[in-house]
N, C-alpha and C. Protein backbone atom coordinates (compact mmCIF):
# COMPACT_ATOMS: atom_id res chain seq x y z
N MET A 1 71.60 -10.14 27.87
CA MET A 1 71.03 -11.70 26.90
C MET A 1 70.67 -10.97 25.55
N GLY A 2 71.12 -11.56 24.69
CA GLY A 2 71.13 -11.23 23.40
C GLY A 2 69.89 -11.99 22.93
N LYS A 3 69.50 -11.55 21.11
CA LYS A 3 68.44 -12.04 21.36
C LYS A 3 68.25 -13.20 20.38
N GLY A 4 69.84 -13.26 19.80
CA GLY A 4 69.81 -14.68 18.27
C GLY A 4 69.25 -15.97 18.60
N ARG A 5 68.97 -16.44 20.13
CA ARG A 5 68.62 -17.76 20.30
C ARG A 5 66.93 -17.97 20.47
N LEU A 6 66.27 -16.37 21.02
CA LEU A 6 64.94 -16.18 20.67
C LEU A 6 64.61 -16.35 19.39
N GLU A 7 64.94 -15.80 18.33
CA GLU A 7 64.67 -15.50 17.04
C GLU A 7 65.14 -16.29 16.51
N ALA A 8 65.99 -17.47 16.80
CA ALA A 8 66.05 -18.61 15.71
C ALA A 8 64.87 -19.58 16.40
N PHE A 9 64.72 -20.13 17.86
CA PHE A 9 63.62 -21.23 18.19
C PHE A 9 62.02 -20.48 17.75
N SER A 10 62.11 -19.18 17.89
CA SER A 10 60.63 -18.67 17.28
C SER A 10 60.20 -18.92 15.86
N ASP A 11 61.48 -18.89 14.93
CA ASP A 11 61.46 -19.26 13.46
C ASP A 11 60.97 -20.75 12.80
N GLY A 12 62.06 -21.36 14.23
CA GLY A 12 61.91 -22.82 14.30
C GLY A 12 60.93 -23.14 14.39
N VAL A 13 59.89 -22.95 15.73
CA VAL A 13 58.72 -23.31 15.84
C VAL A 13 57.51 -22.84 14.74
N LEU A 14 57.49 -21.82 14.11
CA LEU A 14 56.71 -21.39 13.41
C LEU A 14 57.15 -22.26 12.01
N ALA A 15 58.30 -22.69 11.76
CA ALA A 15 58.20 -23.08 10.51
C ALA A 15 57.83 -24.82 10.87
N VAL A 16 57.60 -25.27 11.72
CA VAL A 16 57.34 -26.27 12.01
C VAL A 16 55.41 -26.57 12.22
N ALA A 17 54.87 -25.43 12.40
CA ALA A 17 53.59 -25.17 12.65
C ALA A 17 52.75 -25.04 11.68
N ILE A 18 53.56 -24.74 10.28
CA ILE A 18 53.71 -24.85 9.10
C ILE A 18 53.20 -26.17 8.44
N THR A 19 54.62 -26.94 8.63
CA THR A 19 54.93 -27.83 8.42
C THR A 19 53.67 -29.10 8.97
N ILE A 20 53.66 -28.98 9.82
CA ILE A 20 52.31 -29.85 10.68
C ILE A 20 51.09 -29.45 9.99
N MET A 21 50.40 -28.34 9.41
CA MET A 21 49.28 -27.95 8.89
C MET A 21 49.21 -28.60 7.51
N VAL A 22 50.48 -28.72 6.75
CA VAL A 22 50.78 -28.72 5.33
C VAL A 22 50.36 -30.01 5.41
N LEU A 23 51.05 -30.90 6.08
CA LEU A 23 50.72 -32.84 6.01
C LEU A 23 49.46 -32.48 6.61
N GLU A 24 48.81 -32.42 7.45
CA GLU A 24 47.10 -32.63 7.83
C GLU A 24 46.66 -32.47 6.29
N LEU A 25 47.10 -32.05 5.38
CA LEU A 25 46.03 -31.78 3.83
C LEU A 25 46.31 -33.16 3.42
N LYS A 26 45.47 -33.92 3.20
CA LYS A 26 45.42 -35.34 2.59
C LYS A 26 44.93 -35.53 1.73
N VAL A 27 46.01 -35.93 0.62
CA VAL A 27 45.76 -36.18 -0.79
C VAL A 27 44.55 -37.17 -1.53
N PRO A 28 43.58 -36.88 -2.10
CA PRO A 28 42.91 -37.71 -2.49
C PRO A 28 42.73 -38.75 -2.87
N HIS A 29 42.30 -39.74 -2.91
CA HIS A 29 42.78 -40.81 -3.95
C HIS A 29 41.89 -41.06 -5.31
N ASP A 30 40.58 -40.51 -4.97
CA ASP A 30 40.17 -40.06 -6.22
C ASP A 30 40.58 -39.01 -7.48
N PRO A 31 41.57 -39.10 -8.87
CA PRO A 31 41.52 -38.09 -9.63
C PRO A 31 40.23 -37.32 -10.25
N SER A 32 39.15 -36.51 -9.25
CA SER A 32 38.12 -36.07 -9.95
C SER A 32 38.16 -34.81 -9.09
N ILE A 33 37.86 -33.95 -9.91
CA ILE A 33 37.41 -32.70 -9.53
C ILE A 33 36.74 -33.21 -7.99
N ALA A 34 35.71 -34.02 -8.32
CA ALA A 34 34.50 -33.88 -6.95
C ALA A 34 35.31 -34.27 -5.63
N ALA A 35 36.56 -35.19 -5.69
CA ALA A 35 37.09 -35.13 -4.74
C ALA A 35 38.18 -33.88 -4.11
N MET A 36 38.76 -33.38 -5.21
CA MET A 36 39.48 -32.06 -4.85
C MET A 36 38.29 -30.96 -3.92
N LEU A 37 37.19 -31.34 -4.78
CA LEU A 37 36.13 -29.72 -4.28
C LEU A 37 35.62 -30.79 -2.77
N ALA A 38 35.67 -31.51 -2.47
CA ALA A 38 35.46 -32.56 -1.18
C ALA A 38 36.13 -31.95 -0.10
N LEU A 39 37.77 -31.65 -0.54
CA LEU A 39 38.53 -30.85 0.26
C LEU A 39 38.71 -29.06 0.72
N TRP A 40 37.42 -28.70 0.25
CA TRP A 40 37.61 -27.20 0.33
C TRP A 40 37.84 -26.65 1.93
N PRO A 41 37.04 -26.91 2.83
CA PRO A 41 36.65 -26.73 3.97
C PRO A 41 38.79 -27.24 4.54
N VAL A 42 38.85 -28.10 4.56
CA VAL A 42 40.19 -28.19 4.45
C VAL A 42 41.43 -27.02 4.32
N PHE A 43 40.63 -26.93 3.15
CA PHE A 43 42.22 -26.42 2.69
C PHE A 43 41.78 -25.29 2.93
N LEU A 44 40.91 -24.28 3.05
CA LEU A 44 40.69 -22.69 3.52
C LEU A 44 40.93 -22.69 4.52
N SER A 45 41.16 -23.47 5.77
CA SER A 45 41.12 -23.68 6.84
C SER A 45 42.62 -23.48 6.93
N TYR A 46 43.49 -24.05 5.93
CA TYR A 46 44.89 -23.99 6.12
C TYR A 46 45.53 -22.66 5.70
N VAL A 47 44.39 -22.25 4.43
CA VAL A 47 45.11 -21.06 4.10
C VAL A 47 44.66 -20.01 4.52
N LEU A 48 44.22 -19.83 5.38
CA LEU A 48 43.97 -18.44 6.32
C LEU A 48 44.62 -19.10 7.61
N SER A 49 45.10 -20.25 7.83
CA SER A 49 46.16 -20.58 9.31
C SER A 49 47.74 -20.02 8.83
N PHE A 50 47.45 -20.15 7.86
CA PHE A 50 49.15 -19.81 6.87
C PHE A 50 48.96 -18.74 7.08
N ILE A 51 48.64 -17.62 6.62
CA ILE A 51 48.67 -16.11 6.39
C ILE A 51 48.21 -15.81 8.34
N TYR A 52 47.59 -16.37 9.07
CA TYR A 52 48.00 -16.26 10.50
C TYR A 52 49.22 -15.77 11.04
N ILE A 53 49.72 -17.51 10.29
CA ILE A 53 50.92 -17.70 11.42
C ILE A 53 51.95 -16.54 10.30
N GLY A 54 51.93 -16.42 9.24
CA GLY A 54 53.00 -15.22 7.98
C GLY A 54 52.64 -14.01 8.79
N ILE A 55 51.38 -13.65 9.21
CA ILE A 55 51.24 -12.32 10.13
C ILE A 55 52.60 -12.58 11.52
N TYR A 56 52.34 -13.06 11.68
CA TYR A 56 52.93 -13.03 13.56
C TYR A 56 54.17 -13.61 13.15
N TRP A 57 54.73 -14.35 12.14
CA TRP A 57 56.28 -14.44 11.69
C TRP A 57 56.54 -13.17 11.39
N ASN A 58 56.03 -12.95 10.47
CA ASN A 58 56.43 -11.02 10.28
C ASN A 58 56.58 -10.07 10.95
N ASN A 59 55.57 -9.80 12.07
CA ASN A 59 55.74 -8.68 12.82
C ASN A 59 56.34 -9.15 14.37
N HIS A 60 56.51 -10.62 14.22
CA HIS A 60 57.50 -10.94 15.42
C HIS A 60 58.88 -10.54 14.94
N HIS A 61 59.40 -10.49 13.64
CA HIS A 61 60.54 -10.63 12.76
C HIS A 61 60.85 -8.78 13.47
N HIS A 62 59.91 -8.31 13.16
CA HIS A 62 60.16 -6.62 12.84
C HIS A 62 59.86 -6.35 14.29
N MET A 63 59.60 -7.04 15.40
CA MET A 63 59.25 -6.47 16.59
C MET A 63 61.03 -7.07 17.41
N LEU A 64 61.53 -8.19 16.58
CA LEU A 64 62.69 -8.41 17.55
C LEU A 64 64.02 -7.60 16.83
N HIS A 65 63.56 -7.21 15.84
CA HIS A 65 64.34 -6.23 15.14
C HIS A 65 64.72 -4.96 15.83
N ALA A 66 63.30 -5.13 16.48
CA ALA A 66 63.31 -3.39 16.92
C ALA A 66 64.53 -3.27 18.59
N THR A 67 64.43 -4.72 19.07
CA THR A 67 64.80 -4.79 20.19
C THR A 67 66.25 -5.23 20.66
N GLN A 68 66.54 -4.48 21.32
CA GLN A 68 67.81 -4.47 21.67
C GLN A 68 68.56 -6.06 23.03
N HIS A 69 67.73 -5.47 23.99
CA HIS A 69 67.74 -6.20 24.94
C HIS A 69 66.31 -7.24 25.36
N VAL A 70 67.16 -8.72 25.31
CA VAL A 70 66.00 -9.83 25.94
C VAL A 70 66.18 -10.16 27.86
N SER A 71 65.28 -10.66 28.19
CA SER A 71 65.24 -10.69 29.95
C SER A 71 64.85 -12.61 29.78
N GLY A 72 64.96 -13.17 30.99
CA GLY A 72 64.16 -14.09 31.47
C GLY A 72 62.50 -14.11 31.08
N GLY A 73 61.97 -12.96 31.15
CA GLY A 73 60.84 -12.60 31.43
C GLY A 73 60.03 -12.69 29.86
N VAL A 74 61.37 -11.71 29.00
CA VAL A 74 61.05 -11.83 27.46
C VAL A 74 60.41 -12.97 27.28
N LEU A 75 61.70 -14.11 27.49
CA LEU A 75 61.99 -15.68 27.06
C LEU A 75 60.82 -15.88 27.29
N TRP A 76 60.25 -16.34 28.65
CA TRP A 76 58.71 -16.76 28.81
C TRP A 76 57.85 -16.37 27.93
N ALA A 77 58.05 -14.57 28.13
CA ALA A 77 56.45 -14.12 27.32
C ALA A 77 56.58 -14.79 26.10
N ASN A 78 57.32 -15.03 25.07
CA ASN A 78 57.87 -15.66 23.99
C ASN A 78 57.13 -16.89 23.94
N LEU A 79 57.90 -18.10 24.94
CA LEU A 79 57.02 -18.75 24.36
C LEU A 79 55.82 -19.39 24.92
N HIS A 80 55.25 -18.45 25.56
CA HIS A 80 53.57 -18.42 26.06
C HIS A 80 53.16 -17.75 24.71
N LEU A 81 53.41 -16.84 24.02
CA LEU A 81 53.01 -16.39 22.62
C LEU A 81 53.44 -18.44 21.65
N LEU A 82 54.14 -18.82 21.50
CA LEU A 82 54.48 -19.65 20.83
C LEU A 82 53.08 -20.99 21.08
N PHE A 83 53.04 -21.19 22.45
CA PHE A 83 52.31 -22.30 22.99
C PHE A 83 50.75 -21.83 22.27
N TRP A 84 50.23 -20.60 21.65
CA TRP A 84 49.41 -20.82 21.45
C TRP A 84 49.44 -20.76 19.66
N LEU A 85 50.72 -19.93 19.45
CA LEU A 85 51.10 -20.45 17.86
C LEU A 85 50.40 -21.62 17.34
N SER A 86 51.09 -22.56 18.55
CA SER A 86 51.43 -24.24 18.01
C SER A 86 50.21 -24.81 18.42
N LEU A 87 49.00 -24.56 18.92
CA LEU A 87 47.71 -24.87 18.90
C LEU A 87 46.88 -24.62 17.60
N ILE A 88 47.59 -23.82 17.15
CA ILE A 88 46.81 -23.62 15.25
C ILE A 88 46.92 -24.61 14.75
N PRO A 89 47.28 -25.43 14.26
CA PRO A 89 47.64 -26.71 13.57
C PRO A 89 46.68 -27.34 13.62
N PHE A 90 46.26 -27.83 15.47
CA PHE A 90 45.28 -28.69 15.98
C PHE A 90 43.83 -27.82 15.37
N THR A 91 43.45 -26.45 15.57
CA THR A 91 42.50 -26.28 15.56
C THR A 91 41.99 -26.17 13.61
N THR A 92 43.27 -25.69 12.85
CA THR A 92 42.63 -25.45 12.01
C THR A 92 42.20 -26.71 11.25
N GLY A 93 42.94 -27.67 11.53
CA GLY A 93 42.46 -29.19 11.53
C GLY A 93 41.35 -29.65 11.78
N TRP A 94 41.05 -29.01 12.54
CA TRP A 94 39.40 -29.39 13.28
C TRP A 94 38.54 -28.67 12.94
N MET A 95 38.91 -27.62 12.43
CA MET A 95 37.69 -26.79 12.07
C MET A 95 37.72 -27.34 10.92
N GLY A 96 38.38 -27.41 9.75
CA GLY A 96 38.51 -27.67 8.80
C GLY A 96 37.88 -29.11 8.02
N GLU A 97 38.35 -30.10 9.29
CA GLU A 97 37.65 -31.26 8.92
C GLU A 97 35.69 -31.39 9.05
N ASN A 98 35.90 -30.80 10.05
CA ASN A 98 34.69 -30.98 10.67
C ASN A 98 33.32 -29.89 9.52
N HIS A 99 34.11 -29.04 8.49
CA HIS A 99 33.65 -28.26 8.16
C HIS A 99 32.84 -26.83 8.33
N PHE A 100 33.76 -26.44 9.53
CA PHE A 100 33.49 -25.13 10.12
C PHE A 100 32.22 -25.13 10.95
N ALA A 101 32.10 -26.09 11.94
CA ALA A 101 30.75 -26.62 12.53
C ALA A 101 31.47 -25.72 13.43
N PRO A 102 30.23 -25.13 14.53
CA PRO A 102 29.96 -24.00 15.66
C PRO A 102 31.53 -24.36 16.40
N LEU A 103 31.65 -25.42 17.43
CA LEU A 103 32.62 -25.56 18.60
C LEU A 103 33.82 -25.38 17.91
N PRO A 104 34.60 -26.06 16.87
CA PRO A 104 35.74 -25.86 16.18
C PRO A 104 36.14 -24.53 16.02
N THR A 105 34.63 -24.04 15.19
CA THR A 105 34.89 -22.43 14.77
C THR A 105 35.27 -21.63 16.14
N ALA A 106 34.78 -21.74 16.75
CA ALA A 106 34.76 -20.99 18.48
C ALA A 106 36.58 -21.24 18.99
N LEU A 107 36.72 -22.48 18.91
CA LEU A 107 38.15 -22.47 19.70
C LEU A 107 38.56 -21.71 18.77
N TYR A 108 38.77 -21.78 17.75
CA TYR A 108 39.49 -21.30 16.76
C TYR A 108 39.92 -20.37 17.02
N GLY A 109 38.71 -19.50 17.18
CA GLY A 109 39.24 -18.07 17.91
C GLY A 109 39.77 -17.66 19.29
N VAL A 110 39.51 -19.00 20.06
CA VAL A 110 39.79 -18.87 21.50
C VAL A 110 41.26 -18.91 21.20
N VAL A 111 41.99 -19.93 20.39
CA VAL A 111 43.46 -19.94 20.02
C VAL A 111 44.23 -18.39 19.48
N LEU A 112 43.02 -18.31 18.23
CA LEU A 112 43.75 -16.43 17.96
C LEU A 112 43.64 -15.44 19.21
N LEU A 113 42.55 -15.38 20.13
CA LEU A 113 42.43 -14.29 21.12
C LEU A 113 43.43 -14.35 22.02
N MET A 114 43.93 -15.74 22.25
CA MET A 114 44.94 -16.29 23.48
C MET A 114 46.57 -15.80 22.82
N ALA A 115 46.46 -15.88 21.56
CA ALA A 115 47.73 -15.58 20.56
C ALA A 115 47.82 -13.75 20.70
N ALA A 116 46.72 -13.44 20.29
CA ALA A 116 47.03 -11.94 20.20
C ALA A 116 47.33 -11.15 22.01
N ILE A 117 46.74 -12.08 23.25
CA ILE A 117 47.11 -11.55 24.20
C ILE A 117 48.89 -11.91 24.31
N ALA A 118 48.89 -13.35 24.08
CA ALA A 118 50.27 -13.22 24.29
C ALA A 118 51.28 -12.31 23.64
N TYR A 119 50.80 -11.95 22.39
CA TYR A 119 51.79 -11.03 21.29
C TYR A 119 51.86 -10.35 22.01
N TYR A 120 50.96 -9.28 22.73
CA TYR A 120 50.96 -8.15 24.07
C TYR A 120 51.12 -7.62 24.73
N ILE A 121 51.80 -9.40 25.75
CA ILE A 121 52.45 -9.68 26.76
C ILE A 121 53.80 -9.37 26.75
N LEU A 122 54.42 -9.94 25.84
CA LEU A 122 55.80 -9.81 24.95
C LEU A 122 56.10 -8.77 24.37
N GLN A 123 55.19 -8.09 23.75
CA GLN A 123 55.81 -6.65 23.25
C GLN A 123 55.69 -5.72 24.56
N GLN A 124 55.22 -6.17 25.25
CA GLN A 124 55.05 -5.02 27.23
C GLN A 124 56.49 -5.03 27.66
N ARG A 125 56.79 -6.83 27.64
CA ARG A 125 57.91 -7.31 28.25
C ARG A 125 59.07 -6.44 27.97
N ILE A 126 59.01 -6.42 25.82
CA ILE A 126 60.22 -6.36 25.58
C ILE A 126 60.32 -4.62 25.78
N VAL A 127 59.00 -3.92 25.70
CA VAL A 127 59.31 -2.26 26.05
C VAL A 127 59.91 -2.14 27.68
N ALA A 128 59.37 -2.92 28.81
CA ALA A 128 59.89 -2.81 30.02
C ALA A 128 61.33 -2.96 30.17
N VAL A 129 61.93 -3.94 29.41
CA VAL A 129 63.23 -4.23 29.62
C VAL A 129 63.78 -3.27 28.75
N ASN A 130 63.86 -3.26 27.65
CA ASN A 130 64.20 -2.17 26.96
C ASN A 130 64.18 -0.25 26.86
N GLY A 131 63.02 0.16 27.71
CA GLY A 131 62.29 1.34 28.13
C GLY A 131 61.57 1.73 27.23
N PRO A 132 60.78 2.60 28.14
CA PRO A 132 59.63 3.43 27.35
C PRO A 132 60.06 4.69 26.19
N GLU A 133 61.65 4.66 25.82
CA GLU A 133 62.10 5.69 24.71
C GLU A 133 62.68 4.37 23.37
N CYS A 134 62.66 3.70 23.68
CA CYS A 134 63.04 2.63 22.83
C CYS A 134 62.15 2.11 21.41
N ALA A 135 62.61 1.77 20.57
CA ALA A 135 62.31 2.02 19.25
C ALA A 135 60.83 1.34 19.22
N LEU A 136 61.26 0.10 20.22
CA LEU A 136 59.23 -0.74 19.16
C LEU A 136 58.15 0.33 20.49
N ALA A 137 58.74 1.23 21.37
CA ALA A 137 57.92 1.94 21.96
C ALA A 137 57.73 2.98 21.26
N LEU A 138 58.42 3.39 20.25
CA LEU A 138 58.16 3.97 19.96
C LEU A 138 57.03 4.04 18.36
N ALA A 139 57.38 3.55 17.72
CA ALA A 139 56.97 2.46 16.71
C ALA A 139 55.54 2.23 17.22
N VAL A 140 55.40 1.53 18.14
CA VAL A 140 54.05 0.54 18.32
C VAL A 140 53.00 1.84 18.62
N GLY A 141 53.31 3.02 19.46
CA GLY A 141 52.17 4.24 19.77
C GLY A 141 50.87 3.60 20.30
N SER A 142 50.56 4.07 19.77
CA SER A 142 48.61 3.78 20.73
C SER A 142 48.22 1.98 19.74
N ASP A 143 48.64 2.14 18.63
CA ASP A 143 48.48 0.69 18.20
C ASP A 143 47.12 -0.19 18.31
N TRP A 144 46.42 0.92 16.92
CA TRP A 144 44.75 0.17 17.30
C TRP A 144 44.53 -0.79 16.17
N LYS A 145 45.62 -2.06 15.80
CA LYS A 145 45.07 -2.85 15.11
C LYS A 145 45.47 -3.82 16.17
N GLY A 146 46.34 -3.58 17.47
CA GLY A 146 46.37 -4.80 18.41
C GLY A 146 45.24 -4.37 19.39
N LYS A 147 44.68 -3.33 18.97
CA LYS A 147 43.32 -3.13 20.60
C LYS A 147 41.95 -4.05 19.60
N ALA A 148 42.06 -3.60 18.33
CA ALA A 148 40.85 -3.59 17.69
C ALA A 148 40.72 -5.35 17.29
N SER A 149 41.91 -5.97 17.10
CA SER A 149 41.97 -7.47 17.08
C SER A 149 41.39 -8.20 17.92
N PRO A 150 41.54 -8.29 19.34
CA PRO A 150 40.73 -9.25 20.18
C PRO A 150 39.95 -8.69 20.67
N LEU A 151 39.10 -8.01 19.95
CA LEU A 151 37.74 -7.20 19.85
C LEU A 151 36.85 -8.04 19.32
N PHE A 152 37.43 -7.95 17.68
CA PHE A 152 36.81 -9.25 16.75
C PHE A 152 36.89 -9.98 16.89
N TYR A 153 38.14 -10.83 18.16
CA TYR A 153 37.73 -12.02 18.41
C TYR A 153 36.83 -13.11 18.91
N LEU A 154 36.59 -11.54 20.53
CA LEU A 154 35.12 -11.67 21.75
C LEU A 154 34.38 -11.67 20.95
N ALA A 155 34.28 -11.00 19.78
CA ALA A 155 32.83 -11.16 19.28
C ALA A 155 32.65 -12.37 17.91
N ALA A 156 33.46 -12.86 17.70
CA ALA A 156 33.56 -14.23 16.58
C ALA A 156 33.41 -15.17 17.07
N ILE A 157 33.63 -15.26 18.81
CA ILE A 157 33.71 -16.86 19.41
C ILE A 157 32.44 -16.61 19.68
N PRO A 158 31.19 -16.52 20.08
CA PRO A 158 30.45 -16.50 21.15
C PRO A 158 29.21 -16.50 19.30
N LEU A 159 29.53 -15.86 18.34
CA LEU A 159 28.97 -15.60 17.22
C LEU A 159 29.39 -17.01 15.97
N ALA A 160 30.14 -18.00 16.50
CA ALA A 160 30.30 -18.59 16.31
C ALA A 160 28.98 -19.81 16.27
N PHE A 161 28.13 -19.98 17.31
CA PHE A 161 27.69 -20.45 17.83
C PHE A 161 26.07 -19.93 16.91
N VAL A 162 26.01 -18.77 16.21
CA VAL A 162 24.96 -18.40 15.67
C VAL A 162 25.35 -19.04 13.88
N SER A 163 26.39 -18.30 13.63
CA SER A 163 26.70 -18.80 12.34
C SER A 163 28.46 -18.58 12.37
N PRO A 164 28.73 -19.86 11.97
CA PRO A 164 30.25 -20.01 12.16
C PRO A 164 30.81 -19.13 10.83
N TRP A 165 29.86 -18.63 9.81
CA TRP A 165 30.28 -18.05 8.12
C TRP A 165 30.66 -16.68 8.89
N ILE A 166 29.74 -15.72 9.80
CA ILE A 166 29.94 -14.25 10.48
C ILE A 166 31.82 -14.20 11.04
N SER A 167 31.61 -15.81 12.08
CA SER A 167 33.03 -15.77 12.86
C SER A 167 34.41 -15.87 11.58
N CYS A 168 34.30 -16.61 10.76
CA CYS A 168 35.42 -17.08 9.38
C CYS A 168 35.74 -15.45 9.23
N ALA A 169 34.15 -14.82 8.89
CA ALA A 169 34.23 -13.76 8.16
C ALA A 169 34.82 -12.44 9.02
N LEU A 170 35.22 -12.48 10.56
CA LEU A 170 35.69 -11.71 11.31
C LEU A 170 37.14 -11.59 11.44
N TYR A 171 37.31 -13.29 11.42
CA TYR A 171 38.53 -13.82 11.53
C TYR A 171 39.31 -13.73 10.14
N VAL A 172 38.84 -13.51 8.83
CA VAL A 172 39.56 -12.76 7.90
C VAL A 172 39.42 -11.39 7.86
N ALA A 173 38.81 -11.00 8.09
CA ALA A 173 39.03 -9.07 7.99
C ALA A 173 39.96 -8.85 9.22
N VAL A 174 40.27 -9.54 10.21
CA VAL A 174 41.32 -8.96 11.30
C VAL A 174 42.69 -9.83 10.32
N ALA A 175 42.70 -10.39 9.56
CA ALA A 175 43.72 -10.70 8.79
C ALA A 175 44.23 -10.11 7.96
N MET A 176 43.02 -9.71 7.19
CA MET A 176 43.20 -8.49 5.90
C MET A 176 43.46 -7.04 6.90
N ILE A 177 43.21 -6.62 8.28
CA ILE A 177 43.89 -5.76 8.85
C ILE A 177 45.28 -5.38 8.34
N TRP A 178 45.82 -6.85 8.88
CA TRP A 178 47.47 -7.16 9.36
C TRP A 178 47.79 -7.63 8.39
N LEU A 179 47.15 -7.95 6.82
CA LEU A 179 48.11 -8.39 5.83
C LEU A 179 48.55 -7.18 5.41
N VAL A 180 48.07 -6.11 5.57
CA VAL A 180 48.40 -4.44 5.10
C VAL A 180 50.23 -4.50 6.03
N PRO A 181 50.96 -4.19 4.78
CA PRO A 181 52.30 -4.34 5.73
C PRO A 181 52.28 -3.03 6.72
N ASP A 182 52.86 -3.10 7.65
CA ASP A 182 52.84 -2.08 9.24
C ASP A 182 54.26 -1.87 9.09
N ARG A 183 54.33 -0.47 8.46
CA ARG A 183 55.99 -0.18 8.08
C ARG A 183 56.28 0.79 9.71
N ARG A 184 55.67 0.83 10.12
CA ARG A 184 55.81 1.31 11.80
C ARG A 184 57.44 1.36 12.27
N ILE A 185 57.63 -0.02 12.60
CA ILE A 185 58.88 -0.24 13.23
C ILE A 185 59.59 0.15 12.15
N GLU A 186 59.63 0.09 11.32
CA GLU A 186 60.92 0.20 10.28
C GLU A 186 61.17 1.55 10.27
N ARG A 187 60.25 2.84 10.34
CA ARG A 187 60.29 4.29 9.95
C ARG A 187 60.96 4.74 10.99
N ARG A 188 60.34 3.48 12.40
CA ARG A 188 61.26 4.15 13.58
C ARG A 188 62.98 3.63 13.39
N LEU A 189 62.83 2.58 12.78
CA LEU A 189 64.44 2.04 12.91
C LEU A 189 65.46 2.94 11.98
N VAL A 190 64.50 3.48 11.02
CA VAL A 190 65.15 4.48 10.25
C VAL A 190 65.53 5.78 10.72
N ALA A 191 64.81 5.77 11.33
CA ALA A 191 64.38 7.89 11.65
C ALA A 191 65.70 7.57 12.79
N ASP A 192 65.95 6.49 13.86
CA ASP A 192 66.72 6.25 14.68
C ASP A 192 68.58 6.23 14.10
N ALA A 193 68.15 6.09 12.87
CA ALA A 193 69.24 5.55 12.45
C ALA A 193 70.56 6.73 12.17
């Protein structure tokens, strides 16, 4: 089964998620700096979520580039990932509108954790379909980033009730880990060429 429709659908869902988030940024009716500064929590949560969706889009693109075949299981695993990513606009808005209150900040972490788990499941389904010697399996290897990220989220979720800012710092730390370009898949594809 080809992967073209899966890629196009995924790109569309992620584009819609980003669009929904930006539409939630309300323009202040007062032309003052104070009115703009009042929006900082909403804008800050938007920036963080935009980066997260960008990271997922980038890694998803690379993962599918290294994929030769997909199956029904891969399609469902991809939908599972898109489900969690589609919740990011909701948790982003709730967290920003409530100035990083404990519960919305914790729920944001739950969504990030579930998206990370869903991404791992998708990766494993692709490897199962394409074989243990496929480019993706060889490129990912031990995947320390993929293993460390859920641990950060698991720590951040309960810490949101102690200090939401500690949770946010952990969310930013994970984003920074993934923001550094990961060339493993690109190197593997060049080596296989």
